[in-house]
């Protein structure tokens, strides 16, 4: 669906079922937009693939746009990060409760160039996560897989 308002309402409905609290941070003045509504905006924009803040504020419905401005949205979103992660975990536990198998779609990621791999300290703290060296024919570059 391409309708931000409809997606927002559905995500907010699920958030209301998962999390009873509306505000997570103490604020002297009561904001027009609750913390839960701000989290719903954030999750909706991620769901719809909106990467740009400019694009987000162009697609926000007028009802939501009148309740918050960009700088306030950014500041509150940064402060709410730990609560957003807790909500994500609750949602994933709720959706994955009855699943036994998961499919992971992944791709090779270049950690560093082959010439620097012997000097690189990336991911070498734990022996179980040391990247492997590999060759990806489709991109014609050496990758750590």
N, C-alpha and C. Protein backbone atom coordinates (compact mmCIF):
# COMPACT_ATOMS: atom_id res chain seq x y z
N UNK A 1 0.84 -1.18 0.00
CA UNK A 1 0.00 0.00 0.00
C UNK A 1 0.88 1.24 0.00
N UNK A 2 0.42 2.23 -0.72
CA UNK A 2 1.18 3.46 -0.84
C UNK A 2 0.58 4.59 -0.01
N UNK A 3 -0.49 4.33 0.69
CA UNK A 3 -1.15 5.35 1.48
C UNK A 3 -0.52 5.40 2.87
N UNK A 4 0.19 6.48 3.16
CA UNK A 4 0.89 6.60 4.44
C UNK A 4 -0.10 6.59 5.60
N UNK A 5 -1.21 7.29 5.46
CA UNK A 5 -2.20 7.37 6.54
C UNK A 5 -2.78 6.01 6.91
N UNK A 6 -3.11 5.20 5.90
CA UNK A 6 -3.68 3.88 6.16
C UNK A 6 -2.66 2.97 6.82
N UNK A 7 -1.42 2.99 6.32
CA UNK A 7 -0.36 2.18 6.93
C UNK A 7 -0.09 2.62 8.36
N UNK A 8 -0.07 3.92 8.57
CA UNK A 8 0.16 4.47 9.91
C UNK A 8 -0.91 3.99 10.89
N UNK A 9 -2.15 4.04 10.47
CA UNK A 9 -3.26 3.62 11.35
C UNK A 9 -3.14 2.14 11.72
N UNK A 10 -2.77 1.31 10.76
CA UNK A 10 -2.63 -0.13 11.05
C UNK A 10 -1.47 -0.40 11.99
N UNK A 11 -0.34 0.29 11.77
CA UNK A 11 0.82 0.10 12.65
C UNK A 11 0.52 0.62 14.03
N UNK A 12 -0.17 1.74 14.13
CA UNK A 12 -0.54 2.29 15.44
C UNK A 12 -1.50 1.35 16.18
N UNK A 13 -2.39 0.71 15.45
CA UNK A 13 -3.32 -0.25 16.06
C UNK A 13 -2.55 -1.44 16.66
N UNK A 14 -1.56 -1.95 15.93
CA UNK A 14 -0.74 -3.06 16.43
C UNK A 14 0.08 -2.61 17.63
N UNK A 15 0.63 -1.39 17.57
CA UNK A 15 1.40 -0.86 18.71
C UNK A 15 0.53 -0.72 19.95
N UNK A 16 -0.72 -0.33 19.78
CA UNK A 16 -1.63 -0.22 20.92
C UNK A 16 -1.89 -1.58 21.56
N UNK A 17 -1.89 -2.64 20.76
CA UNK A 17 -2.08 -3.98 21.30
C UNK A 17 -0.83 -4.48 22.02
N UNK A 18 0.35 -4.09 21.51
CA UNK A 18 1.62 -4.58 22.07
C UNK A 18 2.05 -3.78 23.28
N UNK A 19 1.88 -2.48 23.24
CA UNK A 19 2.41 -1.59 24.28
C UNK A 19 1.29 -0.71 24.84
N UNK A 20 0.99 -0.82 26.14
CA UNK A 20 -0.10 -0.02 26.71
C UNK A 20 0.26 1.45 26.92
N UNK A 21 1.54 1.74 27.18
CA UNK A 21 1.93 3.13 27.46
C UNK A 21 1.94 3.96 26.19
N UNK A 22 1.56 5.25 26.33
CA UNK A 22 1.59 6.16 25.18
C UNK A 22 2.82 7.05 25.17
N UNK A 23 3.29 7.43 26.36
CA UNK A 23 4.48 8.28 26.46
C UNK A 23 5.53 7.55 27.30
N UNK A 24 6.77 7.55 26.81
CA UNK A 24 7.84 6.83 27.47
C UNK A 24 8.80 7.78 28.18
N UNK A 25 8.92 8.99 27.68
CA UNK A 25 9.84 9.96 28.25
C UNK A 25 9.06 10.98 29.07
N UNK A 26 9.69 11.47 30.13
CA UNK A 26 9.07 12.51 30.93
C UNK A 26 9.22 13.84 30.18
N UNK A 27 8.11 14.53 30.01
CA UNK A 27 8.13 15.84 29.35
C UNK A 27 7.30 16.80 30.17
N UNK A 28 7.84 18.00 30.35
CA UNK A 28 7.15 18.99 31.16
C UNK A 28 5.83 19.39 30.51
N UNK A 29 5.90 19.74 29.24
CA UNK A 29 4.67 20.06 28.50
C UNK A 29 4.18 18.81 27.78
N UNK A 30 2.89 18.64 27.77
CA UNK A 30 2.31 17.50 27.07
C UNK A 30 2.38 17.75 25.57
N UNK A 31 3.08 16.90 24.81
CA UNK A 31 3.21 17.15 23.37
C UNK A 31 1.92 16.84 22.62
N UNK A 32 1.75 17.45 21.45
CA UNK A 32 0.58 17.18 20.62
C UNK A 32 0.60 15.75 20.08
N UNK A 33 1.81 15.25 19.82
CA UNK A 33 2.00 13.91 19.27
C UNK A 33 2.62 13.04 20.34
N UNK A 34 1.94 11.96 20.73
CA UNK A 34 2.48 11.09 21.78
C UNK A 34 3.71 10.34 21.27
N UNK A 35 4.47 9.80 22.20
CA UNK A 35 5.67 9.04 21.83
C UNK A 35 5.30 7.82 20.98
N UNK A 36 4.19 7.18 21.32
CA UNK A 36 3.76 6.00 20.56
C UNK A 36 3.40 6.38 19.12
N UNK A 37 2.77 7.54 18.94
CA UNK A 37 2.44 8.00 17.59
C UNK A 37 3.71 8.32 16.80
N UNK A 38 4.71 8.90 17.48
CA UNK A 38 5.98 9.18 16.82
C UNK A 38 6.68 7.89 16.40
N UNK A 39 6.64 6.88 17.26
CA UNK A 39 7.22 5.58 16.93
C UNK A 39 6.47 4.97 15.74
N UNK A 40 5.15 5.14 15.71
CA UNK A 40 4.35 4.61 14.59
C UNK A 40 4.72 5.31 13.29
N UNK A 41 4.98 6.61 13.33
CA UNK A 41 5.43 7.33 12.13
C UNK A 41 6.77 6.78 11.67
N UNK A 42 7.67 6.58 12.62
CA UNK A 42 8.99 6.06 12.29
C UNK A 42 8.90 4.66 11.67
N UNK A 43 8.14 3.77 12.28
CA UNK A 43 7.99 2.40 11.76
C UNK A 43 7.29 2.40 10.40
N UNK A 44 6.31 3.28 10.21
CA UNK A 44 5.61 3.37 8.94
C UNK A 44 6.55 3.83 7.83
N UNK A 45 7.37 4.82 8.14
CA UNK A 45 8.31 5.31 7.11
C UNK A 45 9.32 4.23 6.75
N UNK A 46 9.78 3.45 7.72
CA UNK A 46 10.69 2.35 7.42
C UNK A 46 9.99 1.26 6.62
N UNK A 47 8.76 0.96 6.97
CA UNK A 47 7.99 -0.06 6.26
C UNK A 47 7.78 0.33 4.80
N UNK A 48 7.51 1.61 4.56
CA UNK A 48 7.25 2.08 3.21
C UNK A 48 8.53 2.38 2.44
N UNK A 49 9.68 2.24 3.08
CA UNK A 49 10.95 2.47 2.39
C UNK A 49 11.28 3.93 2.19
N UNK A 50 10.77 4.78 3.06
CA UNK A 50 11.06 6.21 2.96
C UNK A 50 12.36 6.47 3.71
N UNK A 51 13.42 6.73 2.96
CA UNK A 51 14.74 6.93 3.55
C UNK A 51 14.99 8.40 3.86
N UNK A 52 14.42 9.26 3.09
CA UNK A 52 14.70 10.68 3.22
C UNK A 52 13.70 11.35 4.16
N UNK A 53 14.23 12.17 5.05
CA UNK A 53 13.36 12.92 5.95
C UNK A 53 12.51 13.92 5.16
N UNK A 54 13.09 14.48 4.12
CA UNK A 54 12.35 15.42 3.27
C UNK A 54 11.15 14.72 2.63
N UNK A 55 11.37 13.52 2.13
CA UNK A 55 10.28 12.76 1.53
C UNK A 55 9.23 12.37 2.58
N UNK A 56 9.68 12.03 3.77
CA UNK A 56 8.74 11.69 4.85
C UNK A 56 7.81 12.85 5.14
N UNK A 57 8.36 14.04 5.28
CA UNK A 57 7.52 15.18 5.62
C UNK A 57 6.69 15.67 4.44
N UNK A 58 7.02 15.24 3.23
CA UNK A 58 6.14 15.51 2.08
C UNK A 58 4.97 14.56 2.05
N UNK A 59 5.16 13.32 2.53
CA UNK A 59 4.10 12.31 2.46
C UNK A 59 3.24 12.24 3.72
N UNK A 60 3.67 12.90 4.80
CA UNK A 60 2.86 12.87 6.02
C UNK A 60 1.50 13.51 5.77
N UNK A 61 0.44 12.90 6.25
CA UNK A 61 -0.88 13.53 6.14
C UNK A 61 -0.91 14.84 6.94
N UNK A 62 -1.76 15.77 6.54
CA UNK A 62 -1.84 17.08 7.19
C UNK A 62 -2.17 16.99 8.68
N UNK A 63 -2.92 15.97 9.06
CA UNK A 63 -3.28 15.81 10.47
C UNK A 63 -2.02 15.59 11.31
N UNK A 64 -1.12 14.73 10.84
CA UNK A 64 0.12 14.47 11.57
C UNK A 64 1.12 15.60 11.38
N UNK A 65 1.15 16.18 10.20
CA UNK A 65 2.11 17.24 9.90
C UNK A 65 1.87 18.47 10.77
N UNK A 66 0.63 18.71 11.12
CA UNK A 66 0.32 19.88 11.95
C UNK A 66 0.70 19.66 13.41
N UNK A 67 0.96 18.41 13.80
CA UNK A 67 1.28 18.12 15.20
C UNK A 67 2.76 18.15 15.52
N UNK A 68 3.64 18.11 14.51
CA UNK A 68 5.07 18.03 14.79
C UNK A 68 5.86 18.68 13.67
N UNK A 69 7.01 19.24 14.03
CA UNK A 69 7.91 19.79 13.01
C UNK A 69 9.17 18.95 12.95
N UNK A 70 9.96 19.16 11.91
CA UNK A 70 11.08 18.27 11.62
C UNK A 70 12.11 18.20 12.74
N UNK A 71 12.52 19.33 13.26
CA UNK A 71 13.58 19.32 14.28
C UNK A 71 13.11 18.62 15.55
N UNK A 72 11.88 18.84 15.92
CA UNK A 72 11.32 18.19 17.11
C UNK A 72 11.20 16.69 16.86
N UNK A 73 10.77 16.32 15.66
CA UNK A 73 10.66 14.90 15.31
C UNK A 73 12.02 14.21 15.44
N UNK A 74 13.06 14.81 14.88
CA UNK A 74 14.40 14.21 14.95
C UNK A 74 14.90 14.08 16.37
N UNK A 75 14.74 15.12 17.16
CA UNK A 75 15.21 15.12 18.53
C UNK A 75 14.50 14.04 19.35
N UNK A 76 13.19 13.99 19.22
CA UNK A 76 12.43 13.00 19.99
C UNK A 76 12.71 11.59 19.50
N UNK A 77 12.90 11.41 18.20
CA UNK A 77 13.19 10.08 17.66
C UNK A 77 14.52 9.56 18.19
N UNK A 78 15.52 10.42 18.29
CA UNK A 78 16.82 10.00 18.84
C UNK A 78 16.69 9.63 20.32
N UNK A 79 15.91 10.39 21.07
CA UNK A 79 15.74 10.09 22.49
C UNK A 79 14.94 8.80 22.71
N UNK A 80 14.07 8.49 21.77
CA UNK A 80 13.21 7.30 21.90
C UNK A 80 13.85 6.02 21.36
N UNK A 81 15.08 6.08 20.90
CA UNK A 81 15.71 4.92 20.28
C UNK A 81 15.65 3.66 21.14
N UNK A 82 16.01 3.72 22.46
CA UNK A 82 15.93 2.48 23.26
C UNK A 82 14.52 1.91 23.35
N UNK A 83 13.52 2.78 23.40
CA UNK A 83 12.13 2.32 23.49
C UNK A 83 11.68 1.72 22.15
N UNK A 84 12.16 2.31 21.04
CA UNK A 84 11.83 1.77 19.72
C UNK A 84 12.40 0.36 19.59
N UNK A 85 13.61 0.15 20.07
CA UNK A 85 14.21 -1.18 20.00
C UNK A 85 13.45 -2.19 20.86
N UNK A 86 12.98 -1.77 22.03
CA UNK A 86 12.17 -2.66 22.88
C UNK A 86 10.87 -3.04 22.17
N UNK A 87 10.25 -2.06 21.52
CA UNK A 87 9.00 -2.33 20.80
C UNK A 87 9.26 -3.26 19.63
N UNK A 88 10.37 -3.07 18.91
CA UNK A 88 10.71 -3.96 17.80
C UNK A 88 10.88 -5.40 18.30
N UNK A 89 11.52 -5.53 19.45
CA UNK A 89 11.72 -6.87 20.00
C UNK A 89 10.39 -7.50 20.39
N UNK A 90 9.50 -6.72 21.01
CA UNK A 90 8.18 -7.25 21.36
C UNK A 90 7.41 -7.67 20.11
N UNK A 91 7.49 -6.84 19.07
CA UNK A 91 6.79 -7.15 17.83
C UNK A 91 7.36 -8.41 17.18
N UNK A 92 8.68 -8.51 17.13
CA UNK A 92 9.27 -9.69 16.50
C UNK A 92 8.96 -10.96 17.30
N UNK A 93 8.96 -10.87 18.62
CA UNK A 93 8.58 -12.04 19.43
C UNK A 93 7.12 -12.42 19.20
N UNK A 94 6.29 -11.41 19.03
CA UNK A 94 4.87 -11.69 18.80
C UNK A 94 4.64 -12.32 17.42
N UNK A 95 5.32 -11.81 16.40
CA UNK A 95 5.13 -12.34 15.06
C UNK A 95 5.81 -13.69 14.87
N UNK A 96 6.90 -13.93 15.57
CA UNK A 96 7.68 -15.15 15.37
C UNK A 96 7.41 -16.22 16.42
N UNK A 97 6.40 -16.05 17.23
CA UNK A 97 6.13 -16.99 18.32
C UNK A 97 5.89 -18.41 17.82
N UNK A 98 5.21 -18.55 16.70
CA UNK A 98 4.81 -19.87 16.23
C UNK A 98 5.64 -20.35 15.05
N UNK A 99 6.71 -19.65 14.74
CA UNK A 99 7.55 -20.03 13.60
C UNK A 99 8.69 -20.93 14.05
N UNK A 100 8.95 -21.96 13.25
CA UNK A 100 10.06 -22.87 13.53
C UNK A 100 11.23 -22.64 12.59
N UNK A 101 10.95 -22.17 11.38
CA UNK A 101 11.98 -21.99 10.37
C UNK A 101 11.97 -20.55 9.87
N UNK A 102 13.16 -20.04 9.61
CA UNK A 102 13.31 -18.68 9.11
C UNK A 102 14.23 -18.71 7.89
N UNK A 103 13.91 -17.89 6.91
CA UNK A 103 14.74 -17.77 5.72
C UNK A 103 15.47 -16.44 5.79
N UNK A 104 16.78 -16.51 5.63
CA UNK A 104 17.59 -15.30 5.67
C UNK A 104 18.12 -15.05 4.27
N UNK A 105 17.82 -13.91 3.73
CA UNK A 105 18.33 -13.52 2.43
C UNK A 105 19.53 -12.62 2.67
N UNK A 106 20.69 -13.04 2.23
CA UNK A 106 21.87 -12.25 2.51
C UNK A 106 22.71 -12.09 1.25
N UNK A 107 23.68 -11.20 1.35
CA UNK A 107 24.60 -11.00 0.25
C UNK A 107 25.99 -10.75 0.82
N UNK A 108 26.98 -10.97 0.01
CA UNK A 108 28.35 -10.73 0.45
C UNK A 108 28.56 -9.25 0.68
N UNK A 109 29.35 -8.95 1.67
CA UNK A 109 29.62 -7.56 2.03
C UNK A 109 31.12 -7.36 2.09
N UNK A 110 31.60 -6.37 1.37
CA UNK A 110 33.03 -6.09 1.38
C UNK A 110 33.40 -5.36 2.66
N UNK A 111 34.17 -6.02 3.49
CA UNK A 111 34.58 -5.43 4.76
C UNK A 111 35.80 -4.55 4.54
N UNK A 112 36.76 -5.04 3.78
CA UNK A 112 37.92 -4.23 3.42
C UNK A 112 38.55 -4.81 2.16
N UNK A 113 39.43 -4.07 1.54
CA UNK A 113 40.11 -4.52 0.34
C UNK A 113 41.08 -5.65 0.69
N UNK A 114 41.32 -6.52 -0.28
CA UNK A 114 42.19 -7.67 -0.06
C UNK A 114 43.59 -7.25 0.36
N UNK A 115 44.06 -6.14 -0.18
CA UNK A 115 45.42 -5.69 0.15
C UNK A 115 45.55 -5.27 1.62
N UNK A 116 44.43 -4.93 2.26
CA UNK A 116 44.47 -4.48 3.65
C UNK A 116 43.99 -5.54 4.63
N UNK A 117 43.58 -6.72 4.14
CA UNK A 117 42.94 -7.70 5.02
C UNK A 117 43.87 -8.22 6.11
N UNK A 118 45.17 -8.29 5.85
CA UNK A 118 46.06 -8.80 6.90
C UNK A 118 46.28 -7.78 8.01
N UNK A 119 46.07 -6.50 7.73
CA UNK A 119 46.25 -5.44 8.73
C UNK A 119 44.94 -5.02 9.40
N UNK A 120 43.83 -5.44 8.83
CA UNK A 120 42.53 -5.00 9.34
C UNK A 120 42.21 -5.65 10.68
N UNK A 121 41.59 -4.87 11.56
CA UNK A 121 41.19 -5.38 12.88
C UNK A 121 39.66 -5.54 12.97
N UNK A 122 38.99 -5.39 11.84
CA UNK A 122 37.53 -5.48 11.81
C UNK A 122 37.09 -6.91 12.09
N UNK A 123 36.18 -7.07 13.02
CA UNK A 123 35.56 -8.37 13.36
C UNK A 123 36.56 -9.42 13.81
N UNK A 124 37.67 -9.06 14.39
CA UNK A 124 38.65 -10.05 14.83
C UNK A 124 38.69 -10.20 16.34
N UNK A 125 37.72 -9.61 17.06
CA UNK A 125 37.68 -9.74 18.51
C UNK A 125 37.29 -11.15 18.93
N UNK A 126 36.41 -11.76 18.17
CA UNK A 126 35.90 -13.09 18.50
C UNK A 126 36.19 -14.03 17.32
N UNK A 127 36.74 -15.17 17.60
CA UNK A 127 37.12 -16.11 16.54
C UNK A 127 35.93 -16.60 15.73
N UNK A 128 34.74 -16.59 16.31
CA UNK A 128 33.57 -17.11 15.60
C UNK A 128 33.03 -16.15 14.55
N UNK A 129 33.43 -14.88 14.60
CA UNK A 129 32.88 -13.92 13.64
C UNK A 129 33.92 -13.37 12.67
N UNK A 130 35.10 -13.99 12.61
CA UNK A 130 36.12 -13.53 11.67
C UNK A 130 35.62 -13.78 10.25
N UNK A 131 35.62 -12.76 9.40
CA UNK A 131 35.13 -12.95 8.03
C UNK A 131 36.06 -13.82 7.20
N UNK A 132 35.49 -14.51 6.22
CA UNK A 132 36.26 -15.32 5.29
C UNK A 132 36.57 -14.50 4.05
N UNK A 133 37.65 -14.87 3.37
CA UNK A 133 37.99 -14.21 2.12
C UNK A 133 37.27 -14.95 1.01
N UNK A 134 36.76 -14.20 0.05
CA UNK A 134 36.04 -14.83 -1.05
C UNK A 134 36.12 -13.99 -2.30
N UNK A 135 35.60 -14.54 -3.39
CA UNK A 135 35.63 -13.86 -4.67
C UNK A 135 34.22 -13.87 -5.22
N UNK A 136 33.72 -12.70 -5.59
CA UNK A 136 32.37 -12.58 -6.14
C UNK A 136 32.50 -12.25 -7.62
N UNK A 137 32.15 -13.18 -8.49
CA UNK A 137 32.33 -13.01 -9.92
C UNK A 137 31.40 -11.94 -10.48
N UNK A 138 30.23 -11.75 -9.86
CA UNK A 138 29.28 -10.78 -10.41
C UNK A 138 29.74 -9.35 -10.20
N UNK A 139 30.51 -9.09 -9.16
CA UNK A 139 30.97 -7.73 -8.92
C UNK A 139 32.44 -7.55 -9.26
N UNK A 140 33.12 -8.61 -9.63
CA UNK A 140 34.54 -8.59 -10.00
C UNK A 140 35.36 -7.90 -8.91
N UNK A 141 35.18 -8.32 -7.70
CA UNK A 141 36.00 -7.81 -6.61
C UNK A 141 36.15 -8.89 -5.54
N UNK A 142 37.17 -8.80 -4.77
CA UNK A 142 37.39 -9.76 -3.70
C UNK A 142 36.59 -9.33 -2.48
N UNK A 143 35.89 -10.26 -1.89
CA UNK A 143 35.03 -9.96 -0.76
C UNK A 143 35.37 -10.85 0.42
N UNK A 144 35.08 -10.37 1.59
CA UNK A 144 35.11 -11.20 2.78
C UNK A 144 33.71 -11.71 2.98
N UNK A 145 33.55 -13.00 3.00
CA UNK A 145 32.21 -13.59 3.10
C UNK A 145 32.00 -14.12 4.50
